[in-house]
Amino acid sequence: MQEFNKGEFNFRSKYANGENPTSLTYNISKCIFIKVIREELTMSEKKKYRIKVSKNGPYIVTDGVPLSKQKIKINDKGESIGWMEGQKYPDREQYALCRCGHSKNHPYCDGTHTKIKFEGTETASRDSYFERAKQIEGPELILYDVRDLCAYARFCDVDDTVWKLVGESDVPKKKKLCIREATDCPAGRFVIVDKRTGKKIEPKSAPSISLIEDTAEKASGPIWVKGAIQIESADGYEYEIREKQTLCRCGQSKNKPFCNGAHCSCQFYVEHY
């Protein structure tokens, strides 16, 4: 057993770095749960929907995936507490979403990436989620965490941090809040598992795409991909299918094609679209 290193990460939020205030431990050998979790994604769940990352260009979305805006709902303390539905875009069988962050026809691509010579090389790991995840075990829940996927939506530190709450998961109120914080994260950074059943606690969504607007940060956030949509790299590699993921749309992520919260640090904001 190895102590969770609270000084290992450096991120804007004092809690988004995986800090473990209760000195919980994580067990590197997670096989007992991983086999069950991986088997949950059956062939029937692999939808026809697909997003293709083009080389130094836009995301090509096929098969008519619904597109809309969603705003992060905040409380009077500025904490992320939910989602507000925004504009819904007309249905299209195929469309191209801007990836460089400079389109004048946002959210759609207008070819600006060629003029600015956008460098969109994909740098994200191709290891599976559980090959990268750190595990934090509590009395009734197990939390898996891949810090590289953090999109800085800040659902993980409302009232108490998700890392602390998992250690208090034998308290019903704390358990409920831990589950909510983990599952509200749009990026799929967290996976929460019920220790008794060994199954993931993960709400299912219909295939859709949302453009996140961050009210508190006054920033235009990532492209939120929901419903186990296949994401394909520019070289044809198929990334692991997951229930939800966030794709960079500011063009500044160091974890392309996925978001790493860079839209906040570069103050990416699209005023009218």
C-alpha atoms as a PDB file:
ATOM      1  CA  MET A   1       0.000   0.000   0.000  1.00  0.00           C
ATOM      2  CA  GLN A   2       1.264   3.439  -0.893  1.00  0.00           C
ATOM      3  CA  GLU A   3       0.137   6.744   0.556  1.00  0.00           C
ATOM      4  CA  PHE A   4      -1.680   9.014  -1.888  1.00  0.00           C
ATOM      5  CA  ASN A   5       0.802  11.791  -2.603  1.00  0.00           C
ATOM      6  CA  LYS A   6      -1.023  15.041  -2.088  1.00  0.00           C
ATOM      7  CA  GLY A   7       1.930  17.072  -3.359  1.00  0.00           C
ATOM      8  CA  GLU A   8       2.221  15.219  -6.632  1.00  0.00           C
ATOM      9  CA  PHE A   9      -0.022  17.441  -8.714  1.00  0.00           C
ATOM     10  CA  ASN A  10      -0.129  21.173  -9.315  1.00  0.00           C
ATOM     11  CA  PHE A  11      -3.392  22.612 -10.569  1.00  0.00           C
ATOM     12  CA  ARG A  12      -5.371  25.810 -10.126  1.00  0.00           C
ATOM     13  CA  SER A  13      -7.873  24.390  -7.669  1.00  0.00           C
ATOM     14  CA  LYS A  14      -6.353  23.456  -4.319  1.00  0.00           C
ATOM     15  CA  TYR A  15      -8.367  20.242  -4.425  1.00  0.00           C
ATOM     16  CA  ALA A  16      -8.253  19.372  -8.145  1.00  0.00           C
ATOM     17  CA  ASN A  17      -4.709  18.102  -7.617  1.00  0.00           C
ATOM     18  CA  GLY A  18      -5.886  14.882  -6.022  1.00  0.00           C
ATOM     19  CA  GLU A  19      -5.134  16.075  -2.503  1.00  0.00           C
ATOM     20  CA  ASN A  20      -6.063  13.473   0.053  1.00  0.00           C
ATOM     21  CA  PRO A  21      -6.787  15.271   3.325  1.00  0.00           C
ATOM     22  CA  THR A  22      -7.509  12.082   5.261  1.00  0.00           C
ATOM     23  CA  SER A  23      -4.314  10.303   4.199  1.00  0.00           C
ATOM     24  CA  LEU A  24      -6.287   7.575   2.491  1.00  0.00           C
ATOM     25  CA  THR A  25      -4.381   4.936   0.612  1.00  0.00           C
ATOM     26  CA  TYR A  26      -4.823   3.558  -2.829  1.00  0.00           C
ATOM     27  CA  ASN A  27      -4.188  -0.002  -3.870  1.00  0.00           C
ATOM     28  CA  ILE A  28      -2.271  -0.366  -7.106  1.00  0.00           C
ATOM     29  CA  SER A  29      -3.578  -3.894  -7.594  1.00  0.00           C
ATOM     30  CA  LYS A  30      -7.170  -3.098  -8.574  1.00  0.00           C
ATOM     31  CA  CYS A  31      -7.894  -6.261 -10.542  1.00  0.00           C
ATOM     32  CA  ILE A  32     -10.777  -7.444  -8.366  1.00  0.00           C
ATOM     33  CA  PHE A  33     -12.997  -4.611  -9.592  1.00  0.00           C
ATOM     34  CA  ILE A  34     -11.538  -3.805 -12.994  1.00  0.00           C
ATOM     35  CA  LYS A  35     -12.560  -7.085 -14.606  1.00  0.00           C
ATOM     36  CA  VAL A  36     -16.200  -6.538 -13.642  1.00  0.00           C
ATOM     37  CA  ILE A  37     -16.114  -2.901 -14.750  1.00  0.00           C
ATOM     38  CA  ARG A  38     -14.577  -3.610 -18.155  1.00  0.00           C
ATOM     39  CA  GLU A  39     -17.086  -6.335 -18.868  1.00  0.00           C
ATOM     40  CA  GLU A  40     -19.941  -3.836 -18.433  1.00  0.00           C
ATOM     41  CA  LEU A  41     -19.093  -2.213 -21.793  1.00  0.00           C
ATOM     42  CA  THR A  42     -20.619  -4.787 -24.124  1.00  0.00           C
ATOM     43  CA  MET A  43     -20.673  -4.664 -27.894  1.00  0.00           C
ATOM     44  CA  SER A  44     -24.300  -3.512 -27.786  1.00  0.00           C
ATOM     45  CA  GLU A  45     -23.172  -0.336 -26.011  1.00  0.00           C
ATOM     46  CA  LYS A  46     -20.755   0.614 -28.783  1.00  0.00           C
ATOM     47  CA  LYS A  47     -22.877   3.088 -30.666  1.00  0.00           C
ATOM     48  CA  LYS A  48     -22.604   3.880 -34.351  1.00  0.00           C
ATOM     49  CA  TYR A  49     -21.963   7.515 -33.451  1.00  0.00           C
ATOM     50  CA  ARG A  50     -18.430   8.708 -34.117  1.00  0.00           C
ATOM     51  CA  ILE A  51     -16.230  11.781 -33.835  1.00  0.00           C
ATOM     52  CA  LYS A  52     -13.180  11.877 -36.084  1.00  0.00           C
ATOM     53  CA  VAL A  53     -10.254  14.107 -35.113  1.00  0.00           C
ATOM     54  CA  SER A  54      -8.833  15.532 -38.340  1.00  0.00           C
ATOM     55  CA  LYS A  55      -5.124  16.304 -38.643  1.00  0.00           C
ATOM     56  CA  ASN A  56      -4.580  19.883 -37.426  1.00  0.00           C
ATOM     57  CA  GLY A  57      -8.236  20.504 -38.200  1.00  0.00           C
ATOM     58  CA  PRO A  58     -11.752  20.159 -36.824  1.00  0.00           C
ATOM     59  CA  TYR A  59     -13.709  17.349 -35.220  1.00  0.00           C
ATOM     60  CA  ILE A  60     -15.878  15.621 -37.828  1.00  0.00           C
ATOM     61  CA  VAL A  61     -19.124  14.453 -36.229  1.00  0.00           C
ATOM     62  CA  THR A  62     -21.205  11.860 -38.079  1.00  0.00           C
ATOM     63  CA  ASP A  63     -24.569  10.114 -37.749  1.00  0.00           C
ATOM     64  CA  GLY A  64     -26.538  13.129 -36.579  1.00  0.00           C
ATOM     65  CA  VAL A  65     -25.352  13.494 -32.987  1.00  0.00           C
ATOM     66  CA  PRO A  66     -27.513  16.174 -31.258  1.00  0.00           C
ATOM     67  CA  LEU A  67     -25.613  19.383 -30.413  1.00  0.00           C
ATOM     68  CA  SER A  68     -26.443  21.963 -27.731  1.00  0.00           C
ATOM     69  CA  LYS A  69     -24.982  24.333 -25.140  1.00  0.00           C
ATOM     70  CA  GLN A  70     -24.902  23.652 -21.416  1.00  0.00           C
ATOM     71  CA  LYS A  71     -23.918  26.122 -18.716  1.00  0.00           C
ATOM     72  CA  ILE A  72     -22.415  25.228 -15.363  1.00  0.00           C
ATOM     73  CA  LYS A  73     -24.865  26.207 -12.638  1.00  0.00           C
ATOM     74  CA  ILE A  74     -23.248  27.775  -9.566  1.00  0.00           C
ATOM     75  CA  ASN A  75     -24.400  28.611  -6.038  1.00  0.00           C
ATOM     76  CA  ASP A  76     -23.865  31.889  -4.172  1.00  0.00           C
ATOM     77  CA  LYS A  77     -20.331  30.748  -3.276  1.00  0.00           C
ATOM     78  CA  GLY A  78     -19.441  30.224  -6.932  1.00  0.00           C
ATOM     79  CA  GLU A  79     -19.350  26.434  -6.581  1.00  0.00           C
ATOM     80  CA  SER A  80     -20.439  24.181  -9.430  1.00  0.00           C
ATOM     81  CA  ILE A  81     -23.709  22.499  -8.454  1.00  0.00           C
ATOM     82  CA  GLY A  82     -25.429  21.454 -11.664  1.00  0.00           C
ATOM     83  CA  TRP A  83     -26.211  22.150 -15.306  1.00  0.00           C
ATOM     84  CA  MET A  84     -28.465  24.575 -17.148  1.00  0.00           C
ATOM     85  CA  GLU A  85     -29.700  23.726 -20.615  1.00  0.00           C
ATOM     86  CA  GLY A  86     -28.814  26.227 -23.307  1.00  0.00           C
ATOM     87  CA  GLN A  87     -29.289  26.659 -27.030  1.00  0.00           C
ATOM     88  CA  LYS A  88     -30.037  23.597 -29.141  1.00  0.00           C
ATOM     89  CA  TYR A  89     -28.581  23.561 -32.643  1.00  0.00           C
ATOM     90  CA  PRO A  90     -30.433  22.343 -35.746  1.00  0.00           C
ATOM     91  CA  ASP A  91     -30.038  18.654 -36.461  1.00  0.00           C
ATOM     92  CA  ARG A  92     -27.342  17.808 -38.996  1.00  0.00           C
ATOM     93  CA  GLU A  93     -26.295  14.394 -40.205  1.00  0.00           C
ATOM     94  CA  GLN A  94     -22.656  15.518 -40.308  1.00  0.00           C
ATOM     95  CA  TYR A  95     -20.850  18.627 -39.105  1.00  0.00           C
ATOM     96  CA  ALA A  96     -17.354  19.907 -38.307  1.00  0.00           C
ATOM     97  CA  LEU A  97     -16.655  21.474 -34.898  1.00  0.00           C
ATOM     98  CA  CYS A  98     -13.863  24.006 -34.464  1.00  0.00           C
ATOM     99  CA  ARG A  99     -10.801  22.617 -32.697  1.00  0.00           C
ATOM    100  CA  CYS A 100      -8.361  25.522 -33.036  1.00  0.00           C
ATOM    101  CA  GLY A 101     -10.517  28.014 -31.107  1.00  0.00           C
ATOM    102  CA  HIS A 102     -10.394  30.738 -33.791  1.00  0.00           C
ATOM    103  CA  SER A 103     -13.401  30.080 -36.018  1.00  0.00           C
ATOM    104  CA  LYS A 104     -15.635  33.065 -36.800  1.00  0.00           C
ATOM    105  CA  ASN A 105     -18.541  30.645 -37.222  1.00  0.00           C
ATOM    106  CA  HIS A 106     -18.349  29.034 -33.817  1.00  0.00           C
ATOM    107  CA  PRO A 107     -18.984  26.263 -32.889  1.00  0.00           C
ATOM    108  CA  TYR A 108     -18.494  25.137 -36.479  1.00  0.00           C
ATOM    109  CA  CYS A 109     -15.207  25.127 -38.354  1.00  0.00           C
ATOM    110  CA  ASP A 110     -14.683  27.871 -40.957  1.00  0.00           C
ATOM    111  CA  GLY A 111     -11.234  26.815 -42.153  1.00  0.00           C
ATOM    112  CA  THR A 112      -9.300  29.266 -39.955  1.00  0.00           C
ATOM    113  CA  HIS A 113      -7.070  26.422 -38.734  1.00  0.00           C
ATOM    114  CA  THR A 114      -5.333  26.402 -42.133  1.00  0.00           C
ATOM    115  CA  LYS A 115      -4.710  30.175 -42.072  1.00  0.00           C
ATOM    116  CA  ILE A 116      -3.184  30.160 -38.599  1.00  0.00           C
ATOM    117  CA  LYS A 117      -1.359  26.853 -39.182  1.00  0.00           C
ATOM    118  CA  PHE A 118      -2.972  25.294 -36.129  1.00  0.00           C
ATOM    119  CA  GLU A 119      -0.830  22.654 -34.436  1.00  0.00           C
ATOM    120  CA  GLY A 120      -3.288  20.036 -33.280  1.00  0.00           C
ATOM    121  CA  THR A 121      -1.041  17.037 -32.738  1.00  0.00           C
ATOM    122  CA  GLU A 122      -2.697  14.555 -30.386  1.00  0.00           C
ATOM    123  CA  THR A 123      -0.708  13.972 -27.211  1.00  0.00           C
ATOM    124  CA  ALA A 124      -3.204  12.061 -25.032  1.00  0.00           C
ATOM    125  CA  SER A 125      -2.248   8.695 -23.602  1.00  0.00           C
ATOM    126  CA  ARG A 126      -3.585   5.650 -25.389  1.00  0.00           C
ATOM    127  CA  ASP A 127      -3.518   3.485 -22.296  1.00  0.00           C
ATOM    128  CA  SER A 128      -6.922   2.464 -20.949  1.00  0.00           C
ATOM    129  CA  TYR A 129      -8.564   4.408 -18.144  1.00  0.00           C
ATOM    130  CA  PHE A 130      -7.849   1.793 -15.486  1.00  0.00           C
ATOM    131  CA  GLU A 131      -4.232   1.415 -16.550  1.00  0.00           C
ATOM    132  CA  ARG A 132      -3.758   5.070 -15.623  1.00  0.00           C
ATOM    133  CA  ALA A 133      -6.172   5.493 -12.713  1.00  0.00           C
ATOM    134  CA  LYS A 134      -5.170   5.967  -9.102  1.00  0.00           C
ATOM    135  CA  GLN A 135      -7.407   4.180  -6.637  1.00  0.00           C
ATOM    136  CA  ILE A 136      -8.633   5.547  -3.318  1.00  0.00           C
ATOM    137  CA  GLU A 137     -10.536   3.091  -1.172  1.00  0.00           C
ATOM    138  CA  GLY A 138     -13.132   4.087   1.398  1.00  0.00           C
ATOM    139  CA  PRO A 139     -15.470   2.082   3.659  1.00  0.00           C
ATOM    140  CA  GLU A 140     -18.240   1.639   1.048  1.00  0.00           C
ATOM    141  CA  LEU A 141     -16.929   3.231  -2.138  1.00  0.00           C
ATOM    142  CA  ILE A 142     -13.809   3.084  -4.269  1.00  0.00           C
ATOM    143  CA  LEU A 143     -12.781   6.159  -6.255  1.00  0.00           C
ATOM    144  CA  TYR A 144     -10.675   5.942  -9.406  1.00  0.00           C
ATOM    145  CA  ASP A 145      -9.016   9.133 -10.601  1.00  0.00           C
ATOM    146  CA  VAL A 146      -7.114  10.062 -13.792  1.00  0.00           C
ATOM    147  CA  ARG A 147      -5.881  13.580 -13.119  1.00  0.00           C
ATOM    148  CA  ASP A 148      -4.851  14.190 -16.768  1.00  0.00           C
ATOM    149  CA  LEU A 149      -8.532  14.222 -17.754  1.00  0.00           C
ATOM    150  CA  CYS A 150      -9.455  17.126 -15.471  1.00  0.00           C
ATOM    151  CA  ALA A 151     -11.460  19.747 -17.390  1.00  0.00           C
ATOM    152  CA  TYR A 152     -11.619  22.129 -14.397  1.00  0.00           C
ATOM    153  CA  ALA A 153     -15.395  22.029 -14.058  1.00  0.00           C
ATOM    154  CA  ARG A 154     -14.951  21.968 -10.242  1.00  0.00           C
ATOM    155  CA  PHE A 155     -17.781  19.633  -9.266  1.00  0.00           C
ATOM    156  CA  CYS A 156     -15.311  17.654  -7.137  1.00  0.00           C
ATOM    157  CA  ASP A 157     -14.964  20.144  -4.271  1.00  0.00           C
ATOM    158  CA  VAL A 158     -18.448  21.329  -3.340  1.00  0.00           C
ATOM    159  CA  ASP A 159     -18.754  21.474   0.487  1.00  0.00           C
ATOM    160  CA  ASP A 160     -16.106  18.744   0.802  1.00  0.00           C
ATOM    161  CA  THR A 161     -13.729  17.201  -1.713  1.00  0.00           C
ATOM    162  CA  VAL A 162     -14.531  13.936  -3.448  1.00  0.00           C
ATOM    163  CA  TRP A 163     -11.200  12.529  -2.207  1.00  0.00           C
ATOM    164  CA  LYS A 164     -12.127  13.203   1.416  1.00  0.00           C
ATOM    165  CA  LEU A 165     -15.740  12.095   1.032  1.00  0.00           C
ATOM    166  CA  VAL A 166     -14.833   8.636  -0.254  1.00  0.00           C
ATOM    167  CA  GLY A 167     -13.061   8.011   3.048  1.00  0.00           C
ATOM    168  CA  GLU A 168     -16.301   8.829   4.874  1.00  0.00           C
ATOM    169  CA  SER A 169     -18.575   6.812   2.593  1.00  0.00           C
ATOM    170  CA  ASP A 170     -19.996   4.827   5.504  1.00  0.00           C
ATOM    171  CA  VAL A 171     -21.932   8.003   6.420  1.00  0.00           C
ATOM    172  CA  PRO A 172     -25.019   8.066   4.139  1.00  0.00           C
ATOM    173  CA  LYS A 173     -24.993  11.827   3.555  1.00  0.00           C
ATOM    174  CA  LYS A 174     -21.261  11.832   2.750  1.00  0.00           C
ATOM    175  CA  LYS A 175     -21.641   8.805   0.476  1.00  0.00           C
ATOM    176  CA  LYS A 176     -24.425  10.481  -1.491  1.00  0.00           C
ATOM    177  CA  LEU A 177     -22.383  13.671  -1.938  1.00  0.00           C
ATOM    178  CA  CYS A 178     -19.297  11.695  -2.979  1.00  0.00           C
ATOM    179  CA  ILE A 179     -21.289   9.902  -5.681  1.00  0.00           C
ATOM    180  CA  ARG A 180     -22.802  13.173  -6.888  1.00  0.00           C
ATOM    181  CA  GLU A 181     -19.451  14.951  -7.113  1.00  0.00           C
ATOM    182  CA  ALA A 182     -17.815  12.087  -8.993  1.00  0.00           C
ATOM    183  CA  THR A 183     -20.657  11.569 -11.453  1.00  0.00           C
ATOM    184  CA  ASP A 184     -21.256  15.284 -12.117  1.00  0.00           C
ATOM    185  CA  CYS A 185     -17.738  15.647 -13.523  1.00  0.00           C
ATOM    186  CA  PRO A 186     -18.209  15.960 -17.312  1.00  0.00           C
ATOM    187  CA  ALA A 187     -14.719  14.796 -18.230  1.00  0.00           C
ATOM    188  CA  GLY A 188     -14.910  11.231 -16.985  1.00  0.00           C
ATOM    189  CA  ARG A 189     -11.947  11.886 -14.699  1.00  0.00           C
ATOM    190  CA  PHE A 190     -13.580   9.888 -11.910  1.00  0.00           C
ATOM    191  CA  VAL A 191     -15.096   6.433 -11.729  1.00  0.00           C
ATOM    192  CA  ILE A 192     -16.906   5.516  -8.525  1.00  0.00           C
ATOM    193  CA  VAL A 193     -17.457   1.879  -7.579  1.00  0.00           C
ATOM    194  CA  ASP A 194     -19.748   0.298  -5.012  1.00  0.00           C
ATOM    195  CA  LYS A 195     -17.527  -1.974  -2.908  1.00  0.00           C
ATOM    196  CA  ARG A 196     -20.359  -4.342  -2.102  1.00  0.00           C
ATOM    197  CA  THR A 197     -21.340  -5.079  -5.706  1.00  0.00           C
ATOM    198  CA  GLY A 198     -18.089  -4.214  -7.498  1.00  0.00           C
ATOM    199  CA  LYS A 199     -20.084  -2.228 -10.063  1.00  0.00           C
ATOM    200  CA  LYS A 200     -19.636   1.296 -11.350  1.00  0.00           C
ATOM    201  CA  ILE A 201     -22.101   3.951 -10.300  1.00  0.00           C
ATOM    202  CA  GLU A 202     -22.418   5.829 -13.576  1.00  0.00           C
ATOM    203  CA  PRO A 203     -25.583   7.378 -15.027  1.00  0.00           C
ATOM    204  CA  LYS A 204     -26.142   6.534 -18.681  1.00  0.00           C
ATOM    205  CA  SER A 205     -26.792   9.241 -21.258  1.00  0.00           C
ATOM    206  CA  ALA A 206     -28.204   9.276 -24.757  1.00  0.00           C
ATOM    207  CA  PRO A 207     -25.525  10.067 -27.358  1.00  0.00           C
ATOM    208  CA  SER A 208     -25.156  13.846 -27.552  1.00  0.00           C
ATOM    209  CA  ILE A 209     -22.632  16.683 -27.606  1.00  0.00           C
ATOM    210  CA  SER A 210     -22.745  19.786 -25.426  1.00  0.00           C
ATOM    211  CA  LEU A 211     -20.675  22.956 -25.570  1.00  0.00           C
ATOM    212  CA  ILE A 212     -19.844  23.851 -21.978  1.00  0.00           C
ATOM    213  CA  GLU A 213     -20.030  27.447 -20.802  1.00  0.00           C
ATOM    214  CA  ASP A 214     -18.303  28.076 -17.456  1.00  0.00           C
ATOM    215  CA  THR A 215     -20.305  30.776 -15.673  1.00  0.00           C
ATOM    216  CA  ALA A 216     -17.949  31.267 -12.724  1.00  0.00           C
ATOM    217  CA  GLU A 217     -14.777  31.457 -14.821  1.00  0.00           C
ATOM    218  CA  LYS A 218     -16.437  33.405 -17.653  1.00  0.00           C
ATOM    219  CA  ALA A 219     -14.884  30.954 -20.064  1.00  0.00           C
ATOM    220  CA  SER A 220     -16.080  28.798 -22.920  1.00  0.00           C
ATOM    221  CA  GLY A 221     -15.291  25.275 -21.845  1.00  0.00           C
ATOM    222  CA  PRO A 222     -14.763  22.016 -23.686  1.00  0.00           C
ATOM    223  CA  ILE A 223     -16.909  19.909 -25.973  1.00  0.00           C
ATOM    224  CA  TRP A 224     -18.751  17.460 -23.722  1.00  0.00           C
ATOM    225  CA  VAL A 225     -19.233  14.088 -25.437  1.00  0.00           C
ATOM    226  CA  LYS A 226     -21.868  11.858 -23.822  1.00  0.00           C
ATOM    227  CA  GLY A 227     -23.333   8.427 -24.446  1.00  0.00           C
ATOM    228  CA  ALA A 228     -20.344   6.213 -25.286  1.00  0.00           C
ATOM    229  CA  ILE A 229     -19.519   7.873 -28.618  1.00  0.00           C
ATOM    230  CA  GLN A 230     -16.459   6.551 -30.414  1.00  0.00           C
ATOM    231  CA  ILE A 231     -13.646   9.090 -30.787  1.00  0.00           C
ATOM    232  CA  GLU A 232     -11.186   8.325 -33.580  1.00  0.00           C
ATOM    233  CA  SER A 233      -7.759   9.937 -33.873  1.00  0.00           C
ATOM    234  CA  ALA A 234      -6.327  11.545 -36.993  1.00  0.00           C
ATOM    235  CA  ASP A 235      -4.247   8.409 -37.633  1.00  0.00           C
ATOM    236  CA  GLY A 236      -7.240   6.077 -37.305  1.00  0.00           C
ATOM    237  CA  TYR A 237      -6.674   4.938 -33.730  1.00  0.00           C
ATOM    238  CA  GLU A 238      -9.901   4.408 -31.799  1.00  0.00           C
ATOM    239  CA  TYR A 239      -9.731   5.792 -28.282  1.00  0.00           C
ATOM    240  CA  GLU A 240     -11.328   3.805 -25.491  1.00  0.00           C
ATOM    241  CA  ILE A 241     -15.105   4.228 -25.546  1.00  0.00           C
ATOM    242  CA  ARG A 242     -16.328   5.885 -22.372  1.00  0.00           C
ATOM    243  CA  GLU A 243     -19.697   7.133 -21.168  1.00  0.00           C
ATOM    244  CA  LYS A 244     -18.481  10.737 -21.114  1.00  0.00           C
ATOM    245  CA  GLN A 245     -15.398  12.665 -22.197  1.00  0.00           C
ATOM    246  CA  THR A 246     -14.441  16.272 -22.886  1.00  0.00           C
ATOM    247  CA  LEU A 247     -12.652  17.438 -26.030  1.00  0.00           C
ATOM    248  CA  CYS A 248     -10.555  20.606 -26.241  1.00  0.00           C
ATOM    249  CA  ARG A 249     -12.063  23.466 -28.247  1.00  0.00           C
ATOM    250  CA  CYS A 250      -9.750  26.327 -27.234  1.00  0.00           C
ATOM    251  CA  GLY A 251      -6.810  24.734 -29.060  1.00  0.00           C
ATOM    252  CA  GLN A 252      -4.483  25.075 -26.064  1.00  0.00           C
ATOM    253  CA  SER A 253      -4.779  21.732 -24.265  1.00  0.00           C
ATOM    254  CA  LYS A 254      -1.588  19.792 -23.585  1.00  0.00           C
ATOM    255  CA  ASN A 255      -3.646  16.598 -23.643  1.00  0.00           C
ATOM    256  CA  LYS A 256      -5.148  16.861 -27.130  1.00  0.00           C
ATOM    257  CA  PRO A 257      -7.698  15.921 -28.257  1.00  0.00           C
ATOM    258  CA  PHE A 258      -8.994  15.951 -24.673  1.00  0.00           C
ATOM    259  CA  CYS A 259      -9.497  18.995 -22.470  1.00  0.00           C
ATOM    260  CA  ASN A 260      -7.077  19.716 -19.637  1.00  0.00           C
ATOM    261  CA  GLY A 261      -8.626  22.944 -18.342  1.00  0.00           C
ATOM    262  CA  ALA A 262      -6.497  25.225 -20.540  1.00  0.00           C
ATOM    263  CA  HIS A 263      -9.588  27.230 -21.575  1.00  0.00           C
ATOM    264  CA  CYS A 264      -9.557  28.804 -18.113  1.00  0.00           C
ATOM    265  CA  SER A 265      -5.861  29.663 -18.022  1.00  0.00           C
ATOM    266  CA  CYS A 266      -5.958  31.156 -21.542  1.00  0.00           C
ATOM    267  CA  GLN A 267      -9.322  32.856 -20.835  1.00  0.00           C
ATOM    268  CA  PHE A 268     -10.967  31.346 -23.905  1.00  0.00           C
ATOM    269  CA  TYR A 269     -14.374  32.903 -24.389  1.00  0.00           C
ATOM    270  CA  VAL A 270     -16.695  32.963 -27.379  1.00  0.00           C
ATOM    271  CA  GLU A 271     -19.092  35.853 -26.843  1.00  0.00           C
ATOM    272  CA  HIS A 272     -21.712  35.227 -29.523  1.00  0.00           C
ATOM    273  CA  TYR A 273     -22.372  31.931 -31.263  1.00  0.00           C
END
